[in-house]
PDB file of N, CA and C in Angstrom:
ATOM      1  N   VAL A   1      14.295   4.647  18.902  1.00  0.00           N
ATOM      2  CA  VAL A   1      13.458   5.506  18.668  1.00  0.00           C
ATOM      3  C   VAL A   1      12.289   4.610  18.980  1.00  0.00           C
ATOM      4  N   SER A   2      11.046   5.442  19.859  1.00  0.00           N
ATOM      5  CA  SER A   2      10.079   4.995  20.273  1.00  0.00           C
ATOM      6  C   SER A   2       8.968   5.030  19.544  1.00  0.00           C
ATOM      7  N   ASP A   3       7.875   4.111  19.424  1.00  0.00           N
ATOM      8  CA  ASP A   3       6.680   3.950  18.635  1.00  0.00           C
ATOM      9  C   ASP A   3       6.182   5.507  18.900  1.00  0.00           C
ATOM     10  N   GLU A   4       6.023   5.786  20.085  1.00  0.00           N
ATOM     11  CA  GLU A   4       5.081   7.348  20.437  1.00  0.00           C
ATOM     12  C   GLU A   4       6.215   8.170  19.359  1.00  0.00           C
ATOM     13  N   GLU A   5       7.679   8.602  19.389  1.00  0.00           N
ATOM     14  CA  GLU A   5       8.313   9.381  18.697  1.00  0.00           C
ATOM     15  C   GLU A   5       8.069   9.068  16.974  1.00  0.00           C
ATOM     16  N   LEU A   6       7.765   8.167  16.607  1.00  0.00           N
ATOM     17  CA  LEU A   6       7.670   7.691  15.511  1.00  0.00           C
ATOM     18  C   LEU A   6       5.537   8.207  15.097  1.00  0.00           C
ATOM     19  N   SER A   7       5.227   8.006  15.969  1.00  0.00           N
ATOM     20  CA  SER A   7       3.421   8.456  15.403  1.00  0.00           C
ATOM     21  C   SER A   7       3.661   9.577  15.422  1.00  0.00           C
ATOM     22  N   ALA A   8       4.666  10.650  16.217  1.00  0.00           N
ATOM     23  CA  ALA A   8       4.398  12.129  16.428  1.00  0.00           C
ATOM     24  C   ALA A   8       4.616  12.614  15.053  1.00  0.00           C
ATOM     25  N   LEU A   9       5.656  11.739  14.356  1.00  0.00           N
ATOM     26  CA  LEU A   9       6.073  12.285  12.562  1.00  0.00           C
ATOM     27  C   LEU A   9       5.158  12.446  11.644  1.00  0.00           C
ATOM     28  N   SER A  10       5.247  13.882  10.845  1.00  0.00           N
ATOM     29  CA  SER A  10       4.602  14.293   9.911  1.00  0.00           C
ATOM     30  C   SER A  10       4.987  13.306   8.707  1.00  0.00           C
ATOM     31  N   ARG A  11       5.828  12.669   8.644  1.00  0.00           N
ATOM     32  CA  ARG A  11       5.899  12.327   7.084  1.00  0.00           C
ATOM     33  C   ARG A  11       5.917  10.771   7.546  1.00  0.00           C
ATOM     34  N   ALA A  12       6.024   9.897   6.238  1.00  0.00           N
ATOM     35  CA  ALA A  12       5.489   8.482   6.246  1.00  0.00           C
ATOM     36  C   ALA A  12       7.306   8.007   6.843  1.00  0.00           C
ATOM     37  N   VAL A  13       6.847   6.837   7.325  1.00  0.00           N
ATOM     38  CA  VAL A  13       7.972   6.296   7.935  1.00  0.00           C
ATOM     39  C   VAL A  13       8.439   4.485   7.826  1.00  0.00           C
ATOM     40  N   PHE A  14       9.397   3.788   7.010  1.00  0.00           N
ATOM     41  CA  PHE A  14       9.765   3.032   6.172  1.00  0.00           C
ATOM     42  C   PHE A  14      10.557   2.018   7.221  1.00  0.00           C
ATOM     43  N   HIS A  15      10.397   0.702   7.274  1.00  0.00           N
ATOM     44  CA  HIS A  15      11.000   0.086   8.077  1.00  0.00           C
ATOM     45  C   HIS A  15      11.791  -1.183   6.958  1.00  0.00           C
ATOM     46  N   LEU A  16      13.142  -1.097   7.131  1.00  0.00           N
ATOM     47  CA  LEU A  16      13.708  -2.145   6.037  1.00  0.00           C
ATOM     48  C   LEU A  16      14.200  -3.061   7.242  1.00  0.00           C
ATOM     49  N   PRO A  17      13.873  -4.745   6.975  1.00  0.00           N
ATOM     50  CA  PRO A  17      13.686  -5.502   8.227  1.00  0.00           C
ATOM     51  C   PRO A  17      15.665  -5.908   7.977  1.00  0.00           C
ATOM     52  N   GLN A  18      15.740  -6.370   9.456  1.00  0.00           N
ATOM     53  CA  GLN A  18      17.082  -7.104   9.084  1.00  0.00           C
ATOM     54  C   GLN A  18      17.214  -8.294   8.586  1.00  0.00           C
ATOM     55  N   ARG A  19      18.431  -8.684   8.206  1.00  0.00           N
ATOM     56  CA  ARG A  19      18.616 -10.002   8.033  1.00  0.00           C
ATOM     57  C   ARG A  19      17.969 -11.086   9.067  1.00  0.00           C
ATOM     58  N   LYS A  20      18.869 -10.954  10.334  1.00  0.00           N
ATOM     59  CA  LYS A  20      18.674 -11.762  10.991  1.00  0.00           C
ATOM     60  C   LYS A  20      17.815 -10.825  12.448  1.00  0.00           C
ATOM     61  N   GLY A  21      16.826 -10.316  12.223  1.00  0.00           N
ATOM     62  CA  GLY A  21      16.070  -9.576  13.118  1.00  0.00           C
ATOM     63  C   GLY A  21      15.499 -10.149  13.798  1.00  0.00           C
ATOM     64  N   TRP A  22      15.064  -9.772  15.319  1.00  0.00           N
ATOM     65  CA  TRP A  22      13.925 -10.898  15.797  1.00  0.00           C
ATOM     66  C   TRP A  22      12.876  -9.458  16.335  1.00  0.00           C
ATOM     67  N   HIS A  23      12.796  -7.949  16.237  1.00  0.00           N
ATOM     68  CA  HIS A  23      11.781  -7.420  16.345  1.00  0.00           C
ATOM     69  C   HIS A  23      11.047  -6.790  15.598  1.00  0.00           C
ATOM     70  N   SER A  24      10.273  -6.469  15.909  1.00  0.00           N
ATOM     71  CA  SER A  24       8.815  -6.236  15.161  1.00  0.00           C
ATOM     72  C   SER A  24       9.096  -4.747  15.000  1.00  0.00           C
ATOM     73  N   PRO A  25       8.640  -4.573  13.210  1.00  0.00           N
ATOM     74  CA  PRO A  25       8.598  -3.159  12.845  1.00  0.00           C
ATOM     75  C   PRO A  25       8.077  -2.294  13.743  1.00  0.00           C
ATOM     76  N   PRO A  26       8.204  -1.235  13.777  1.00  0.00           N
ATOM     77  CA  PRO A  26       6.965  -0.104  14.372  1.00  0.00           C
ATOM     78  C   PRO A  26       5.622  -0.555  13.836  1.00  0.00           C
ATOM     79  N   ALA A  27       4.659  -0.233  14.840  1.00  0.00           N
ATOM     80  CA  ALA A  27       3.230  -0.162  14.416  1.00  0.00           C
ATOM     81  C   ALA A  27       2.834   0.464  12.991  1.00  0.00           C
ATOM     82  N   ALA A  28       3.137   1.791  13.258  1.00  0.00           N
ATOM     83  CA  ALA A  28       3.033   2.950  11.414  1.00  0.00           C
ATOM     84  C   ALA A  28       3.746   2.660  10.684  1.00  0.00           C
ATOM     85  N   ALA A  29       5.137   1.799  10.724  1.00  0.00           N
ATOM     86  CA  ALA A  29       5.730   1.684   9.408  1.00  0.00           C
ATOM     87  C   ALA A  29       5.593   1.131   8.294  1.00  0.00           C
ATOM     88  N   LYS A  30       5.637   1.064   7.053  1.00  0.00           N
ATOM     89  CA  LYS A  30       5.715   0.407   5.785  1.00  0.00           C
ATOM     90  C   LYS A  30       6.845  -0.375   5.430  1.00  0.00           C
ATOM     91  N   PRO A  31       6.760  -1.675   5.908  1.00  0.00           N
ATOM     92  CA  PRO A  31       8.009  -2.370   5.431  1.00  0.00           C
ATOM     93  C   PRO A  31       8.612  -2.066   3.519  1.00  0.00           C
ATOM     94  N   VAL A  32       9.542  -2.315   3.503  1.00  0.00           N
ATOM     95  CA  VAL A  32      10.372  -2.261   2.280  1.00  0.00           C
ATOM     96  C   VAL A  32      11.314  -3.161   2.123  1.00  0.00           C
ATOM     97  N   GLU A  33      11.077  -4.215   0.997  1.00  0.00           N
ATOM     98  CA  GLU A  33      11.990  -4.772   0.459  1.00  0.00           C
ATOM     99  C   GLU A  33      13.428  -4.406   0.129  1.00  0.00           C
ATOM    100  N   TYR A  34      14.289  -5.180   0.410  1.00  0.00           N
ATOM    101  CA  TYR A  34      15.767  -5.113   0.490  1.00  0.00           C
ATOM    102  C   TYR A  34      16.244  -5.395  -0.986  1.00  0.00           C
ATOM    103  N   GLU A  35      16.324  -4.330  -2.002  1.00  0.00           N
ATOM    104  CA  GLU A  35      16.825  -4.530  -3.305  1.00  0.00           C
ATOM    105  C   GLU A  35      17.702  -3.363  -3.733  1.00  0.00           C
ATOM    106  N   PRO A  36      19.113  -3.964  -3.246  1.00  0.00           N
ATOM    107  CA  PRO A  36      20.316  -3.172  -3.582  1.00  0.00           C
ATOM    108  C   PRO A  36      20.503  -2.665  -4.829  1.00  0.00           C
ATOM    109  N   GLU A  37      19.927  -3.299  -6.028  1.00  0.00           N
ATOM    110  CA  GLU A  37      19.961  -2.651  -7.254  1.00  0.00           C
ATOM    111  C   GLU A  37      18.790  -1.740  -7.852  1.00  0.00           C
ATOM    112  N   ARG A  38      18.184  -1.227  -6.753  1.00  0.00           N
ATOM    113  CA  ARG A  38      17.112  -0.043  -7.024  1.00  0.00           C
ATOM    114  C   ARG A  38      17.507   1.016  -6.623  1.00  0.00           C
ATOM    115  N   LEU A  39      18.918   0.870  -5.566  1.00  0.00           N
ATOM    116  CA  LEU A  39      19.407   2.424  -4.552  1.00  0.00           C
ATOM    117  C   LEU A  39      19.739   3.439  -5.452  1.00  0.00           C
ATOM    118  N   LEU A  40      19.756   3.066  -7.086  1.00  0.00           N
ATOM    119  CA  LEU A  40      20.042   4.131  -7.931  1.00  0.00           C
ATOM    120  C   LEU A  40      18.710   5.150  -8.399  1.00  0.00           C
ATOM    121  N   GLU A  41      17.485   4.722  -8.069  1.00  0.00           N
ATOM    122  CA  GLU A  41      16.385   5.349  -8.363  1.00  0.00           C
ATOM    123  C   GLU A  41      16.339   6.184  -7.206  1.00  0.00           C
ATOM    124  N   ILE A  42      16.457   5.981  -6.111  1.00  0.00           N
ATOM    125  CA  ILE A  42      16.348   7.000  -4.824  1.00  0.00           C
ATOM    126  C   ILE A  42      17.829   7.913  -4.655  1.00  0.00           C
ATOM    127  N   TRP A  43      18.693   7.984  -5.384  1.00  0.00           N
ATOM    128  CA  TRP A  43      19.907   8.699  -5.166  1.00  0.00           C
ATOM    129  C   TRP A  43      19.540  10.285  -5.707  1.00  0.00           C
ATOM    130  N   ASP A  44      18.661  10.501  -6.110  1.00  0.00           N
ATOM    131  CA  ASP A  44      18.549  12.345  -6.141  1.00  0.00           C
ATOM    132  C   ASP A  44      17.238  12.403  -5.880  1.00  0.00           C
ATOM    133  N   LYS A  45      16.440  11.991  -5.191  1.00  0.00           N
ATOM    134  CA  LYS A  45      15.368  12.300  -4.166  1.00  0.00           C
ATOM    135  C   LYS A  45      15.603  13.504  -3.182  1.00  0.00           C
ATOM    136  N   GLU A  46      15.363  14.573  -3.538  1.00  0.00           N
ATOM    137  CA  GLU A  46      15.403  15.734  -2.409  1.00  0.00           C
ATOM    138  C   GLU A  46      15.393  14.939  -1.104  1.00  0.00           C
ATOM    139  N   GLY A  47      16.252  15.293  -0.539  1.00  0.00           N
ATOM    140  CA  GLY A  47      16.056  15.235   1.349  1.00  0.00           C
ATOM    141  C   GLY A  47      16.512  13.737   1.593  1.00  0.00           C
ATOM    142  N   LEU A  48      16.583  12.657   0.950  1.00  0.00           N
ATOM    143  CA  LEU A  48      16.299  11.092   1.249  1.00  0.00           C
ATOM    144  C   LEU A  48      17.888  10.663   1.583  1.00  0.00           C
ATOM    145  N   VAL A  49      18.702  11.295   0.017  1.00  0.00           N
ATOM    146  CA  VAL A  49      20.353  10.849   0.681  1.00  0.00           C
ATOM    147  C   VAL A  49      20.824  12.406   0.839  1.00  0.00           C
ATOM    148  N   THR A  50      21.667  12.670   1.963  1.00  0.00           N
ATOM    149  CA  THR A  50      22.394  13.606   1.701  1.00  0.00           C
ATOM    150  C   THR A  50      23.920  13.735   2.665  1.00  0.00           C
ATOM    151  N   GLU A  51      24.618  14.814   1.597  1.00  0.00           N
ATOM    152  CA  GLU A  51      26.076  14.312   1.617  1.00  0.00           C
ATOM    153  C   GLU A  51      26.477  14.997   3.074  1.00  0.00           C
ATOM    154  N   ILE A  52      27.489  14.328   3.681  1.00  0.00           N
ATOM    155  CA  ILE A  52      27.513  14.856   5.004  1.00  0.00           C
ATOM    156  C   ILE A  52      29.390  14.973   5.037  1.00  0.00           C
ATOM    157  N   GLU A  53      29.553  15.812   6.210  1.00  0.00           N
ATOM    158  CA  GLU A  53      31.116  16.387   6.010  1.00  0.00           C
ATOM    159  C   GLU A  53      31.997  14.861   7.062  1.00  0.00           C
ATOM    160  N   THR A  54      31.723  14.530   7.849  1.00  0.00           N
ATOM    161  CA  THR A  54      31.891  13.337   8.767  1.00  0.00           C
ATOM    162  C   THR A  54      30.984  12.478   8.935  1.00  0.00           C
ATOM    163  N   VAL A  55      31.447  11.421   9.673  1.00  0.00           N
ATOM    164  CA  VAL A  55      30.667  10.350   9.841  1.00  0.00           C
ATOM    165  C   VAL A  55      30.109  10.255  11.294  1.00  0.00           C
ATOM    166  N   GLU A  56      29.002   9.925  11.557  1.00  0.00           N
ATOM    167  CA  GLU A  56      28.007  10.451  12.939  1.00  0.00           C
ATOM    168  C   GLU A  56      27.821   9.011  13.233  1.00  0.00           C
ATOM    169  N   LEU A  57      28.478   8.232  14.642  1.00  0.00           N
ATOM    170  CA  LEU A  57      27.922   7.301  14.713  1.00  0.00           C
ATOM    171  C   LEU A  57      26.831   7.016  15.475  1.00  0.00           C
ATOM    172  N   TYR A  58      25.927   6.170  15.353  1.00  0.00           N
ATOM    173  CA  TYR A  58      24.733   6.310  16.229  1.00  0.00           C
ATOM    174  C   TYR A  58      24.641   4.935  16.986  1.00  0.00           C
ATOM    175  N   THR A  59      24.379   5.131  18.315  1.00  0.00           N
ATOM    176  CA  THR A  59      24.436   4.119  19.501  1.00  0.00           C
ATOM    177  C   THR A  59      23.217   4.084  19.966  1.00  0.00           C
ATOM    178  N   VAL A  60      22.459   2.737  19.970  1.00  0.00           N
ATOM    179  CA  VAL A  60      21.072   2.664  20.731  1.00  0.00           C
ATOM    180  C   VAL A  60      21.216   2.689  22.128  1.00  0.00           C
ATOM    181  N   GLY A  61      22.027   2.117  22.867  1.00  0.00           N
ATOM    182  CA  GLY A  61      22.193   2.121  24.128  1.00  0.00           C
ATOM    183  C   GLY A  61      23.506   1.792  24.425  1.00  0.00           C
ATOM    184  N   SER A  62      23.798   1.805  25.450  1.00  0.00           N
ATOM    185  CA  SER A  62      25.565   1.292  26.290  1.00  0.00           C
ATOM    186  C   SER A  62      25.293   0.009  26.491  1.00  0.00           C
ATOM    187  N   ASN A  63      26.512  -0.727  26.250  1.00  0.00           N
ATOM    188  CA  ASN A  63      26.208  -2.039  26.355  1.00  0.00           C
ATOM    189  C   ASN A  63      26.912  -2.415  27.656  1.00  0.00           C
ATOM    190  N   ILE A  64      26.183  -3.100  28.436  1.00  0.00           N
ATOM    191  CA  ILE A  64      26.566  -3.726  29.794  1.00  0.00           C
ATOM    192  C   ILE A  64      26.942  -4.832  29.638  1.00  0.00           C
ATOM    193  N   PHE A  65      28.385  -5.144  29.922  1.00  0.00           N
ATOM    194  CA  PHE A  65      28.855  -6.573  30.043  1.00  0.00           C
ATOM    195  C   PHE A  65      29.097  -7.037  31.807  1.00  0.00           C
ATOM    196  N   GLN A  66      28.533  -8.539  31.607  1.00  0.00           N
ATOM    197  CA  GLN A  66      28.450  -8.724  32.734  1.00  0.00           C
ATOM    198  C   GLN A  66      29.372 -10.527  32.555  1.00  0.00           C
ATOM    199  N   LYS A  67      30.098 -10.741  33.481  1.00  0.00           N
ATOM    200  CA  LYS A  67      30.786 -12.063  33.828  1.00  0.00           C
ATOM    201  C   LYS A  67      29.795 -13.709  33.344  1.00  0.00           C
ATOM    202  N   TRP A  68      30.228 -14.128  32.777  1.00  0.00           N
ATOM    203  CA  TRP A  68      29.551 -15.490  32.210  1.00  0.00           C
ATOM    204  C   TRP A  68      29.339 -16.151  33.403  1.00  0.00           C
ATOM    205  N   THR A  69      27.908 -16.675  33.847  1.00  0.00           N
ATOM    206  CA  THR A  69      27.947 -17.730  34.744  1.00  0.00           C
ATOM    207  C   THR A  69      27.183 -18.629  34.329  1.00  0.00           C
ATOM    208  N   PRO A  70      27.081 -20.339  34.976  1.00  0.00           N
ATOM    209  CA  PRO A  70      26.628 -21.125  34.236  1.00  0.00           C
ATOM    210  C   PRO A  70      25.137 -21.339  34.560  1.00  0.00           C
ATOM    211  N   GLU A  71      24.970 -20.860  35.975  1.00  0.00           N
ATOM    212  CA  GLU A  71      23.527 -20.221  36.490  1.00  0.00           C
ATOM    213  C   GLU A  71      22.663 -19.599  35.684  1.00  0.00           C
ATOM    214  N   ARG A  72      22.967 -18.679  35.318  1.00  0.00           N
ATOM    215  CA  ARG A  72      22.394 -17.362  34.488  1.00  0.00           C
ATOM    216  C   ARG A  72      22.393 -17.578  32.930  1.00  0.00           C
ATOM    217  N   HIS A  73      23.461 -18.353  32.490  1.00  0.00           N
ATOM    218  CA  HIS A  73      23.037 -19.270  31.154  1.00  0.00           C
ATOM    219  C   HIS A  73      22.469 -20.355  31.015  1.00  0.00           C
ATOM    220  N   ARG A  74      22.161 -21.007  31.903  1.00  0.00           N
ATOM    221  CA  ARG A  74      21.875 -22.336  31.639  1.00  0.00           C
ATOM    222  C   ARG A  74      20.314 -22.298  30.800  1.00  0.00           C
ATOM    223  N   ALA A  75      20.448 -23.732  30.299  1.00  0.00           N
ATOM    224  CA  ALA A  75      19.137 -24.096  29.187  1.00  0.00           C
ATOM    225  C   ALA A  75      18.386 -23.919  29.858  1.00  0.00           C
ATOM    226  N   SER A  76      16.778 -23.253  29.311  1.00  0.00           N
ATOM    227  CA  SER A  76      15.783 -23.798  30.251  1.00  0.00           C
ATOM    228  C   SER A  76      15.259 -25.282  29.599  1.00  0.00           C
ATOM    229  N   LYS A  77      14.768 -26.010  30.454  1.00  0.00           N
ATOM    230  CA  LYS A  77      13.900 -27.094  30.361  1.00  0.00           C
ATOM    231  C   LYS A  77      12.547 -26.945  30.235  1.00  0.00           C
TER     232      LYS A  77
END
């Protein structure tokens, strides 16, 4: 999701940092600390957790595989 799409939303946007993340959170996003013990607090909040019939997979983009070559993967000096 682009920053432009996020800024067009009328609701608050929250960001849960990934453990090994290297991306910066979107500009308008509010960081949320990862606290699994607090998940039950949000379980009954309307519109936040929705029961679904089937799993829908989310893919950011297609993977492009290229053969490994030493020239392309050489450590920079």
